[in-house]
C-alpha cells in the first residue's frame, strides 16, 4: 500500500476523529489522532486550533495545517490563513475535498521539508568538526589565507592545510565557494 504522507488529526469529537481516521487511512495516509491541540503539543490545557496556529507560526514552523471547524465564517477563515493555515474547511465537508486539500498541503510543504532536512544535514556535518577544524573553517569562510589562519593560532601553514583538508572532507565541500555556501545555509555566515 503506497504512503501518501503523514496526517495528524486534532479534533475534540471522537466520532469525527474515528471517521477521519477511516477516511484518510483508506486514502493511504498514515494517520495519528489527537483529541486536543494540547495532546499534540504536550503543552498547557485549553489550547485550541488557533492557539496551535499561533504557536506554530511563532516557531516559524513550515508544518502544513488545514483547519476544520463546525462553526466557520469568513473572518475566522481569514484569521486562520493569516496565521499560516494552508486551507480552511467547514464541517460537514466533502470527503474528496478534504483529501484533495491534504494532498495539496503535503505537496506544498515538501520543498520546505527538504530544505529543512538539508540544513539539518549541514549542521550535523559542522558538529563533526573538531574545535580547531571549526576555527580553520571560520577563517576560510572569512576569506583568510592559510598563512593568516596559521598566524592567528600560532601554528604552521602546513598544519592548517591538513585541517583545511579535513574540513573540506567532513563538510563534503569540493571548493571554497561551496564551503561558503554551506556556511551560509547553516546560518554561520550571513549573505
N, C-alpha and C. Protein backbone atom coordinates (compact mmCIF):
# COMPACT_ATOMS: atom_id res chain seq x y z
N UNK A 1 0.84 -1.17 0.00
CA UNK A 1 0.00 0.00 0.00
C UNK A 1 0.90 1.24 0.00
N UNK A 2 0.70 2.17 -0.98
CA UNK A 2 1.51 3.38 -1.01
C UNK A 2 1.21 4.28 0.16
N UNK A 3 2.21 5.08 0.53
CA UNK A 3 2.06 6.01 1.65
C UNK A 3 1.98 7.42 1.08
N UNK A 4 0.81 8.07 1.22
CA UNK A 4 0.62 9.41 0.69
C UNK A 4 1.15 10.49 1.62
N UNK A 5 1.58 10.14 2.81
CA UNK A 5 2.09 11.12 3.75
C UNK A 5 1.49 10.92 5.12
N UNK A 6 2.01 11.66 6.06
CA UNK A 6 1.56 11.55 7.44
C UNK A 6 0.61 12.70 7.73
N UNK A 7 -0.52 12.37 8.37
CA UNK A 7 -1.53 13.36 8.70
C UNK A 7 -1.84 13.26 10.19
N UNK A 8 -1.81 14.41 10.87
CA UNK A 8 -2.17 14.48 12.27
C UNK A 8 -3.55 15.10 12.35
N UNK A 9 -4.49 14.40 12.95
CA UNK A 9 -5.85 14.90 13.09
C UNK A 9 -6.05 15.34 14.54
N UNK A 10 -6.47 16.58 14.71
CA UNK A 10 -6.78 17.10 16.05
C UNK A 10 -8.24 17.50 16.03
N UNK A 11 -9.06 16.79 16.78
CA UNK A 11 -10.49 17.10 16.86
C UNK A 11 -11.02 16.61 18.19
N UNK A 12 -11.86 17.44 18.82
CA UNK A 12 -12.38 17.07 20.14
C UNK A 12 -13.55 16.11 20.07
N UNK A 13 -14.04 15.83 18.88
CA UNK A 13 -15.18 14.92 18.69
C UNK A 13 -14.66 13.54 18.31
N UNK A 14 -14.87 12.57 19.20
CA UNK A 14 -14.34 11.22 18.97
C UNK A 14 -14.89 10.59 17.70
N UNK A 15 -16.17 10.77 17.44
CA UNK A 15 -16.77 10.21 16.23
C UNK A 15 -16.13 10.82 14.98
N UNK A 16 -15.86 12.12 15.03
CA UNK A 16 -15.21 12.79 13.89
C UNK A 16 -13.79 12.25 13.71
N UNK A 17 -13.06 12.07 14.81
CA UNK A 17 -11.70 11.53 14.72
C UNK A 17 -11.72 10.14 14.09
N UNK A 18 -12.65 9.30 14.55
CA UNK A 18 -12.76 7.94 14.01
C UNK A 18 -13.10 7.97 12.53
N UNK A 19 -14.03 8.85 12.17
CA UNK A 19 -14.44 8.97 10.77
C UNK A 19 -13.28 9.44 9.90
N UNK A 20 -12.56 10.45 10.38
CA UNK A 20 -11.41 10.96 9.62
C UNK A 20 -10.30 9.92 9.54
N UNK A 21 -10.11 9.18 10.60
CA UNK A 21 -9.11 8.11 10.60
C UNK A 21 -9.43 7.10 9.51
N UNK A 22 -10.69 6.68 9.44
CA UNK A 22 -11.11 5.70 8.44
C UNK A 22 -10.94 6.27 7.03
N UNK A 23 -11.42 7.50 6.82
CA UNK A 23 -11.34 8.13 5.51
C UNK A 23 -9.90 8.29 5.04
N UNK A 24 -9.07 8.86 5.89
CA UNK A 24 -7.69 9.15 5.49
C UNK A 24 -6.85 7.88 5.38
N UNK A 25 -7.13 6.91 6.24
CA UNK A 25 -6.44 5.63 6.14
C UNK A 25 -6.78 4.95 4.81
N UNK A 26 -8.05 5.03 4.41
CA UNK A 26 -8.46 4.42 3.15
C UNK A 26 -7.85 5.15 1.95
N UNK A 27 -7.42 6.41 2.15
CA UNK A 27 -6.75 7.17 1.09
C UNK A 27 -5.22 7.02 1.20
N UNK A 28 -4.77 6.05 2.00
CA UNK A 28 -3.35 5.69 2.14
C UNK A 28 -2.50 6.74 2.85
N UNK A 29 -3.10 7.49 3.77
CA UNK A 29 -2.34 8.39 4.63
C UNK A 29 -2.03 7.65 5.92
N UNK A 30 -0.88 7.97 6.53
CA UNK A 30 -0.58 7.49 7.88
C UNK A 30 -1.21 8.49 8.82
N UNK A 31 -2.14 8.04 9.64
CA UNK A 31 -2.94 8.94 10.46
C UNK A 31 -2.61 8.77 11.93
N UNK A 32 -2.44 9.91 12.62
CA UNK A 32 -2.28 9.92 14.07
C UNK A 32 -3.35 10.85 14.61
N UNK A 33 -4.10 10.38 15.61
CA UNK A 33 -5.23 11.14 16.14
C UNK A 33 -4.90 11.79 17.48
N UNK A 34 -5.44 12.99 17.66
CA UNK A 34 -5.30 13.71 18.92
C UNK A 34 -6.64 14.33 19.27
N UNK A 35 -6.99 14.30 20.54
CA UNK A 35 -8.24 14.89 20.99
C UNK A 35 -8.13 16.41 21.10
N UNK A 36 -6.96 16.90 21.45
CA UNK A 36 -6.76 18.33 21.64
C UNK A 36 -5.42 18.76 21.07
N UNK A 37 -5.30 20.06 20.82
CA UNK A 37 -4.02 20.61 20.42
C UNK A 37 -3.01 20.40 21.55
N UNK A 38 -3.52 20.41 22.78
CA UNK A 38 -2.68 20.15 23.96
C UNK A 38 -1.99 18.81 23.83
N UNK A 39 -2.76 17.79 23.51
CA UNK A 39 -2.14 16.47 23.40
C UNK A 39 -1.18 16.41 22.22
N UNK A 40 -1.42 17.22 21.20
CA UNK A 40 -0.49 17.28 20.07
C UNK A 40 0.81 17.95 20.47
N UNK A 41 0.76 19.03 21.14
CA UNK A 41 1.95 19.78 21.52
C UNK A 41 2.48 19.45 22.91
N UNK A 42 1.68 18.74 23.70
CA UNK A 42 2.04 18.44 25.09
C UNK A 42 2.37 19.73 25.85
N UNK A 43 1.43 20.66 25.76
CA UNK A 43 1.60 21.93 26.45
C UNK A 43 0.42 22.18 27.38
N UNK A 44 0.23 23.42 27.78
CA UNK A 44 -0.80 23.76 28.74
C UNK A 44 -2.20 23.46 28.23
N UNK A 45 -3.15 23.15 29.16
CA UNK A 45 -4.53 22.86 28.76
C UNK A 45 -5.19 24.08 28.13
N UNK A 46 -6.22 23.81 27.36
CA UNK A 46 -7.03 24.88 26.80
C UNK A 46 -6.53 25.38 25.45
N UNK A 47 -5.56 24.72 24.85
CA UNK A 47 -5.02 25.14 23.57
C UNK A 47 -5.99 24.72 22.47
N UNK A 48 -6.50 25.70 21.71
CA UNK A 48 -7.41 25.36 20.61
C UNK A 48 -6.64 25.45 19.28
N UNK A 49 -7.33 25.22 18.18
CA UNK A 49 -6.70 25.20 16.87
C UNK A 49 -6.00 26.50 16.53
N UNK A 50 -6.60 27.63 16.88
CA UNK A 50 -5.99 28.91 16.55
C UNK A 50 -4.78 29.20 17.43
N UNK A 51 -4.83 28.79 18.68
CA UNK A 51 -3.65 28.95 19.54
C UNK A 51 -2.52 28.07 19.01
N UNK A 52 -2.85 26.87 18.54
CA UNK A 52 -1.86 26.00 17.92
C UNK A 52 -1.23 26.69 16.72
N UNK A 53 -2.06 27.29 15.86
CA UNK A 53 -1.55 28.01 14.70
C UNK A 53 -0.60 29.13 15.12
N UNK A 54 -1.00 29.89 16.15
CA UNK A 54 -0.16 31.00 16.63
C UNK A 54 1.19 30.49 17.10
N UNK A 55 1.19 29.39 17.84
CA UNK A 55 2.44 28.83 18.35
C UNK A 55 3.31 28.28 17.23
N UNK A 56 2.67 27.64 16.26
CA UNK A 56 3.42 27.10 15.13
C UNK A 56 4.03 28.25 14.33
N UNK A 57 3.27 29.32 14.13
CA UNK A 57 3.78 30.48 13.40
C UNK A 57 4.92 31.14 14.17
N UNK A 58 4.76 31.28 15.49
CA UNK A 58 5.80 31.90 16.32
C UNK A 58 7.09 31.09 16.25
N UNK A 59 6.96 29.78 16.10
CA UNK A 59 8.14 28.92 16.00
C UNK A 59 8.64 28.76 14.57
N UNK A 60 8.10 29.57 13.65
CA UNK A 60 8.48 29.52 12.23
C UNK A 60 8.31 28.12 11.63
N UNK A 61 7.28 27.40 12.08
CA UNK A 61 7.03 26.06 11.58
C UNK A 61 6.53 26.10 10.15
N UNK A 62 7.04 25.18 9.34
CA UNK A 62 6.57 25.06 7.97
C UNK A 62 5.57 23.90 7.84
N UNK A 63 5.16 23.39 8.97
CA UNK A 63 4.22 22.27 9.04
C UNK A 63 2.88 22.71 8.42
N UNK A 64 2.38 22.04 7.38
CA UNK A 64 1.13 22.49 6.76
C UNK A 64 -0.08 22.13 7.63
N UNK A 65 -0.96 23.09 7.83
CA UNK A 65 -2.14 22.89 8.67
C UNK A 65 -3.40 23.23 7.90
N UNK A 66 -4.35 22.30 7.90
CA UNK A 66 -5.69 22.52 7.36
C UNK A 66 -6.62 22.62 8.56
N UNK A 67 -7.33 23.73 8.67
CA UNK A 67 -8.26 23.93 9.78
C UNK A 67 -9.65 23.45 9.37
N UNK A 68 -10.25 22.63 10.23
CA UNK A 68 -11.63 22.20 10.05
C UNK A 68 -12.41 22.72 11.25
N UNK A 69 -13.58 23.29 10.99
CA UNK A 69 -14.37 23.80 12.09
C UNK A 69 -15.85 23.56 11.83
N UNK A 70 -16.58 23.43 12.91
CA UNK A 70 -18.02 23.25 12.81
C UNK A 70 -18.75 24.59 12.79
N UNK A 71 -18.05 25.67 13.00
CA UNK A 71 -18.69 26.99 13.05
C UNK A 71 -17.81 28.04 12.37
N UNK A 72 -17.58 27.85 11.07
CA UNK A 72 -16.70 28.75 10.35
C UNK A 72 -17.43 29.92 9.73
N UNK A 73 -16.71 31.00 9.58
CA UNK A 73 -17.21 32.16 8.86
C UNK A 73 -16.01 32.81 8.19
N UNK A 74 -16.26 33.81 7.36
CA UNK A 74 -15.20 34.44 6.60
C UNK A 74 -14.11 35.05 7.50
N UNK A 75 -14.46 35.82 8.55
CA UNK A 75 -13.40 36.37 9.40
C UNK A 75 -12.54 35.28 10.05
N UNK A 76 -13.15 34.18 10.45
CA UNK A 76 -12.40 33.08 11.06
C UNK A 76 -11.45 32.45 10.03
N UNK A 77 -11.95 32.27 8.81
CA UNK A 77 -11.11 31.70 7.75
C UNK A 77 -9.94 32.63 7.43
N UNK A 78 -10.21 33.92 7.37
CA UNK A 78 -9.15 34.90 7.10
C UNK A 78 -8.09 34.85 8.20
N UNK A 79 -8.54 34.81 9.46
CA UNK A 79 -7.60 34.75 10.58
C UNK A 79 -6.74 33.48 10.50
N UNK A 80 -7.38 32.34 10.17
CA UNK A 80 -6.64 31.08 10.05
C UNK A 80 -5.57 31.18 8.98
N UNK A 81 -5.91 31.77 7.84
CA UNK A 81 -4.95 31.88 6.74
C UNK A 81 -3.82 32.84 7.12
N UNK A 82 -4.13 33.92 7.80
CA UNK A 82 -3.09 34.86 8.24
C UNK A 82 -2.14 34.20 9.22
N UNK A 83 -2.64 33.26 10.00
CA UNK A 83 -1.81 32.56 10.97
C UNK A 83 -1.03 31.39 10.36
N UNK A 84 -1.25 31.16 9.06
CA UNK A 84 -0.44 30.15 8.39
C UNK A 84 -1.15 28.88 7.98
N UNK A 85 -2.47 28.78 8.22
CA UNK A 85 -3.19 27.59 7.75
C UNK A 85 -3.11 27.57 6.22
N UNK A 86 -2.93 26.40 5.65
CA UNK A 86 -2.88 26.31 4.19
C UNK A 86 -4.27 26.24 3.59
N UNK A 87 -5.23 25.85 4.41
CA UNK A 87 -6.62 25.83 3.94
C UNK A 87 -7.56 25.79 5.13
N UNK A 88 -8.83 26.01 4.85
CA UNK A 88 -9.86 26.12 5.88
C UNK A 88 -11.09 25.39 5.35
N UNK A 89 -11.67 24.54 6.18
CA UNK A 89 -12.79 23.72 5.75
C UNK A 89 -13.85 23.70 6.84
N UNK A 90 -15.09 23.93 6.44
CA UNK A 90 -16.19 23.92 7.40
C UNK A 90 -16.87 22.56 7.37
N UNK A 91 -17.19 22.05 8.57
CA UNK A 91 -17.92 20.78 8.70
C UNK A 91 -19.40 21.06 8.49
N UNK A 92 -20.13 20.18 7.89
CA UNK A 92 -19.72 18.95 7.21
C UNK A 92 -19.02 19.28 5.89
N UNK A 93 -18.19 18.38 5.41
CA UNK A 93 -17.42 18.63 4.21
C UNK A 93 -17.44 17.40 3.32
N UNK A 94 -17.09 17.62 2.07
CA UNK A 94 -17.00 16.54 1.10
C UNK A 94 -15.67 15.81 1.31
N UNK A 95 -15.73 14.48 1.42
CA UNK A 95 -14.53 13.68 1.68
C UNK A 95 -13.44 13.94 0.64
N UNK A 96 -13.81 13.97 -0.63
CA UNK A 96 -12.83 14.17 -1.69
C UNK A 96 -12.18 15.55 -1.59
N UNK A 97 -12.94 16.53 -1.15
CA UNK A 97 -12.39 17.88 -0.99
C UNK A 97 -11.33 17.89 0.10
N UNK A 98 -11.61 17.21 1.23
CA UNK A 98 -10.63 17.13 2.32
C UNK A 98 -9.37 16.43 1.86
N UNK A 99 -9.51 15.30 1.20
CA UNK A 99 -8.35 14.55 0.73
C UNK A 99 -7.54 15.40 -0.24
N UNK A 100 -8.21 16.10 -1.14
CA UNK A 100 -7.51 16.99 -2.08
C UNK A 100 -6.75 18.09 -1.37
N UNK A 101 -7.36 18.67 -0.32
CA UNK A 101 -6.69 19.72 0.44
C UNK A 101 -5.44 19.18 1.13
N UNK A 102 -5.55 18.00 1.71
CA UNK A 102 -4.41 17.41 2.42
C UNK A 102 -3.29 17.08 1.44
N UNK A 103 -3.64 16.50 0.30
CA UNK A 103 -2.62 16.18 -0.71
C UNK A 103 -1.91 17.46 -1.18
N UNK A 104 -2.69 18.52 -1.41
CA UNK A 104 -2.11 19.80 -1.84
C UNK A 104 -1.21 20.38 -0.75
N UNK A 105 -1.64 20.28 0.51
CA UNK A 105 -0.84 20.81 1.62
C UNK A 105 0.48 20.06 1.75
N UNK A 106 0.44 18.75 1.58
CA UNK A 106 1.66 17.95 1.66
C UNK A 106 2.60 18.30 0.51
N UNK A 107 2.05 18.42 -0.70
CA UNK A 107 2.89 18.80 -1.85
C UNK A 107 3.51 20.17 -1.64
N UNK A 108 2.73 21.10 -1.11
CA UNK A 108 3.20 22.46 -0.87
C UNK A 108 4.32 22.48 0.18
N UNK A 109 4.24 21.58 1.16
CA UNK A 109 5.22 21.57 2.25
C UNK A 109 6.50 20.81 1.89
N UNK A 110 6.49 20.00 0.84
CA UNK A 110 7.65 19.18 0.51
C UNK A 110 8.93 19.98 0.30
N UNK A 111 8.91 21.09 -0.47
CA UNK A 111 10.16 21.83 -0.65
C UNK A 111 10.73 22.36 0.67
N UNK A 112 9.86 22.86 1.54
CA UNK A 112 10.33 23.37 2.84
C UNK A 112 10.90 22.25 3.69
N UNK A 113 10.26 21.08 3.66
CA UNK A 113 10.75 19.95 4.44
C UNK A 113 12.11 19.48 3.92
N UNK A 114 12.25 19.44 2.59
CA UNK A 114 13.54 19.05 2.02
C UNK A 114 14.61 20.07 2.37
N UNK A 115 14.26 21.34 2.29
CA UNK A 115 15.20 22.40 2.63
C UNK A 115 15.64 22.29 4.09
N UNK A 116 14.68 22.04 4.96
CA UNK A 116 15.00 21.88 6.39
C UNK A 116 15.90 20.67 6.61
N UNK A 117 15.64 19.59 5.89
CA UNK A 117 16.46 18.39 6.03
C UNK A 117 17.90 18.66 5.57
N UNK A 118 18.06 19.44 4.50
CA UNK A 118 19.39 19.78 4.02
C UNK A 118 20.12 20.63 5.05
N UNK A 119 19.43 21.61 5.62
CA UNK A 119 20.02 22.47 6.64
C UNK A 119 20.45 21.66 7.85
N UNK A 120 19.61 20.72 8.28
CA UNK A 120 19.97 19.85 9.41
C UNK A 120 21.17 18.97 9.08
N UNK A 121 21.26 18.51 7.84
CA UNK A 121 22.39 17.70 7.43
C UNK A 121 23.68 18.52 7.49
N UNK A 122 23.62 19.75 7.02
CA UNK A 122 24.80 20.62 7.07
C UNK A 122 25.20 20.88 8.52
N UNK A 123 24.22 21.12 9.38
CA UNK A 123 24.51 21.35 10.80
C UNK A 123 25.16 20.12 11.42
N UNK A 124 24.72 18.94 11.03
CA UNK A 124 25.33 17.72 11.58
C UNK A 124 26.76 17.55 11.08
N UNK A 125 27.05 17.99 9.85
CA UNK A 125 28.42 17.95 9.35
C UNK A 125 29.30 18.90 10.18
N UNK A 126 28.78 20.09 10.44
CA UNK A 126 29.54 21.07 11.23
C UNK A 126 29.83 20.51 12.63
N UNK A 127 28.87 19.79 13.18
CA UNK A 127 29.04 19.22 14.53
C UNK A 127 30.16 18.18 14.58
N UNK A 128 30.52 17.61 13.43
CA UNK A 128 31.60 16.61 13.42
C UNK A 128 32.98 17.24 13.44
N UNK A 129 33.05 18.56 13.21
CA UNK A 129 34.35 19.24 13.19
C UNK A 129 34.92 19.37 14.60
N UNK A 130 36.22 19.17 14.70
CA UNK A 130 36.90 19.41 15.98
C UNK A 130 36.93 20.92 16.21
N UNK A 131 37.20 21.36 17.45
CA UNK A 131 37.29 22.80 17.69
C UNK A 131 38.30 23.50 16.77
N UNK A 132 39.44 22.89 16.54
CA UNK A 132 40.45 23.51 15.66
C UNK A 132 39.95 23.54 14.21
N UNK A 133 39.32 22.45 13.77
CA UNK A 133 38.78 22.43 12.41
C UNK A 133 37.72 23.52 12.24
N UNK A 134 36.92 23.73 13.26
CA UNK A 134 35.91 24.78 13.20
C UNK A 134 36.57 26.16 13.11
N UNK A 135 37.67 26.36 13.85
CA UNK A 135 38.40 27.62 13.77
C UNK A 135 38.94 27.84 12.35
N UNK A 136 39.48 26.79 11.77
CA UNK A 136 40.02 26.88 10.41
C UNK A 136 38.88 27.17 9.43
N UNK A 137 37.75 26.49 9.59
CA UNK A 137 36.62 26.75 8.71
C UNK A 137 36.18 28.21 8.83
N UNK A 138 36.08 28.71 10.05
CA UNK A 138 35.68 30.11 10.25
C UNK A 138 36.65 31.05 9.56
N UNK A 139 37.94 30.75 9.64
CA UNK A 139 38.93 31.57 8.94
C UNK A 139 38.77 31.51 7.44
N UNK A 140 38.53 30.31 6.92
CA UNK A 140 38.37 30.14 5.48
C UNK A 140 37.15 30.91 4.95
N UNK A 141 36.03 30.78 5.66
CA UNK A 141 34.83 31.46 5.16
C UNK A 141 34.89 32.97 5.38
N UNK A 142 35.82 33.40 6.25
CA UNK A 142 36.05 34.84 6.43
C UNK A 142 37.00 35.38 5.35
N UNK A 143 37.52 34.47 4.52
CA UNK A 143 38.39 34.89 3.43
C UNK A 143 39.86 34.94 3.77
N UNK A 144 40.25 34.37 4.90
CA UNK A 144 41.66 34.39 5.31
C UNK A 144 42.45 33.30 4.58
N UNK A 145 43.70 33.60 4.29
CA UNK A 145 44.58 32.61 3.68
C UNK A 145 45.06 31.63 4.75
N UNK A 146 45.63 30.52 4.29
CA UNK A 146 46.18 29.54 5.23
C UNK A 146 47.23 30.19 6.13
N UNK A 147 48.06 31.06 5.55
CA UNK A 147 49.11 31.72 6.33
C UNK A 147 48.53 32.61 7.43
N UNK A 148 47.47 33.35 7.11
CA UNK A 148 46.87 34.22 8.12
C UNK A 148 46.19 33.42 9.23
N UNK A 149 45.53 32.35 8.83
CA UNK A 149 44.90 31.48 9.85
C UNK A 149 45.98 30.88 10.74
N UNK A 150 47.08 30.43 10.13
CA UNK A 150 48.20 29.84 10.89
C UNK A 150 48.77 30.86 11.87
N UNK A 151 48.92 32.09 11.41
CA UNK A 151 49.46 33.15 12.28
C UNK A 151 48.51 33.41 13.45
N UNK A 152 47.18 33.43 13.19
CA UNK A 152 46.20 33.67 14.26
C UNK A 152 46.29 32.63 15.38
N UNK A 153 46.61 31.39 15.02
CA UNK A 153 46.62 30.32 16.01
C UNK A 153 48.04 29.84 16.35
N UNK A 154 49.03 30.53 15.80
CA UNK A 154 50.43 30.24 16.09
C UNK A 154 50.78 28.77 15.80
N UNK A 155 50.35 28.34 14.61
CA UNK A 155 50.72 27.00 14.13
C UNK A 155 51.20 27.14 12.69
N UNK A 156 51.78 26.09 12.16
CA UNK A 156 52.37 26.18 10.82
C UNK A 156 51.29 26.17 9.73
N UNK A 157 51.58 26.83 8.60
CA UNK A 157 50.65 26.80 7.47
C UNK A 157 50.40 25.37 6.97
N UNK A 158 51.40 24.51 7.08
CA UNK A 158 51.23 23.11 6.65
C UNK A 158 50.17 22.42 7.53
N UNK A 159 50.18 22.70 8.82
CA UNK A 159 49.18 22.13 9.72
C UNK A 159 47.79 22.64 9.35
N UNK A 160 47.70 23.91 8.98
CA UNK A 160 46.42 24.48 8.54
C UNK A 160 45.94 23.76 7.28
N UNK A 161 46.86 23.43 6.37
CA UNK A 161 46.49 22.69 5.15
C UNK A 161 45.84 21.35 5.50
N UNK A 162 46.38 20.68 6.53
CA UNK A 162 45.81 19.40 6.97
C UNK A 162 44.41 19.62 7.54
N UNK A 163 44.28 20.64 8.40
CA UNK A 163 42.95 20.95 8.95
C UNK A 163 41.97 21.35 7.84
N UNK A 164 42.47 22.12 6.90
CA UNK A 164 41.62 22.57 5.78
C UNK A 164 41.11 21.35 5.00
N UNK A 165 41.99 20.40 4.73
CA UNK A 165 41.58 19.18 4.01
C UNK A 165 40.53 18.41 4.82
N UNK A 166 40.73 18.34 6.13
CA UNK A 166 39.75 17.65 6.99
C UNK A 166 38.39 18.36 6.95
N UNK A 167 38.44 19.69 7.01
CA UNK A 167 37.20 20.48 6.96
C UNK A 167 36.46 20.21 5.65
N UNK A 168 37.17 20.27 4.55
CA UNK A 168 36.55 20.07 3.24
C UNK A 168 35.94 18.66 3.12
N UNK A 169 36.65 17.68 3.66
CA UNK A 169 36.14 16.30 3.62
C UNK A 169 34.90 16.15 4.49
N UNK A 170 34.98 16.60 5.74
CA UNK A 170 33.85 16.46 6.66
C UNK A 170 32.64 17.26 6.21
N UNK A 171 32.86 18.41 5.60
CA UNK A 171 31.75 19.24 5.14
C UNK A 171 31.26 18.82 3.76
N UNK A 172 31.97 17.87 3.12
CA UNK A 172 31.63 17.39 1.79
C UNK A 172 31.59 18.54 0.78
N UNK A 173 32.57 19.42 0.90
CA UNK A 173 32.69 20.57 0.01
C UNK A 173 33.84 20.34 -0.96
N UNK A 174 33.60 20.59 -2.23
CA UNK A 174 34.63 20.39 -3.25
C UNK A 174 35.43 21.66 -3.53
N UNK A 175 34.96 22.78 -3.03
CA UNK A 175 35.65 24.05 -3.27
C UNK A 175 35.37 24.99 -2.11
N UNK A 176 36.17 26.04 -2.05
CA UNK A 176 35.98 27.04 -1.01
C UNK A 176 34.62 27.74 -1.17
N UNK A 177 34.23 27.99 -2.42
CA UNK A 177 32.92 28.64 -2.64
C UNK A 177 31.78 27.74 -2.16
N UNK A 178 31.92 26.44 -2.34
CA UNK A 178 30.90 25.52 -1.84
C UNK A 178 30.86 25.52 -0.31
N UNK A 179 32.03 25.60 0.31
CA UNK A 179 32.10 25.68 1.77
C UNK A 179 31.40 26.94 2.27
N UNK A 180 31.61 28.04 1.57
CA UNK A 180 30.96 29.30 1.94
C UNK A 180 29.44 29.16 1.81
N UNK A 181 28.97 28.55 0.72
CA UNK A 181 27.52 28.33 0.54
C UNK A 181 26.94 27.48 1.66
N UNK A 182 27.66 26.43 2.06
CA UNK A 182 27.21 25.57 3.15
C UNK A 182 27.13 26.36 4.46
N UNK A 183 28.13 27.20 4.70
CA UNK A 183 28.14 28.02 5.92
C UNK A 183 26.97 29.00 5.91
N UNK A 184 26.68 29.57 4.75
CA UNK A 184 25.54 30.49 4.65
C UNK A 184 24.24 29.75 4.92
N UNK A 185 24.12 28.56 4.36
CA UNK A 185 22.90 27.76 4.53
C UNK A 185 22.69 27.39 5.99
N UNK A 186 23.80 27.16 6.71
CA UNK A 186 23.72 26.80 8.13
C UNK A 186 23.55 28.02 9.02
N UNK A 187 23.62 29.21 8.44
CA UNK A 187 23.43 30.42 9.22
C UNK A 187 24.70 30.91 9.90
N UNK A 188 25.83 30.34 9.55
CA UNK A 188 27.10 30.75 10.14
C UNK A 188 27.58 32.05 9.52
N UNK A 189 27.29 32.22 8.26
CA UNK A 189 27.74 33.39 7.50
C UNK A 189 26.52 34.03 6.88
N UNK A 190 26.31 35.29 7.11
CA UNK A 190 25.16 35.99 6.53
C UNK A 190 25.47 36.41 5.11
N UNK A 191 24.39 36.49 4.31
CA UNK A 191 24.53 36.86 2.88
C UNK A 191 25.28 38.14 2.69
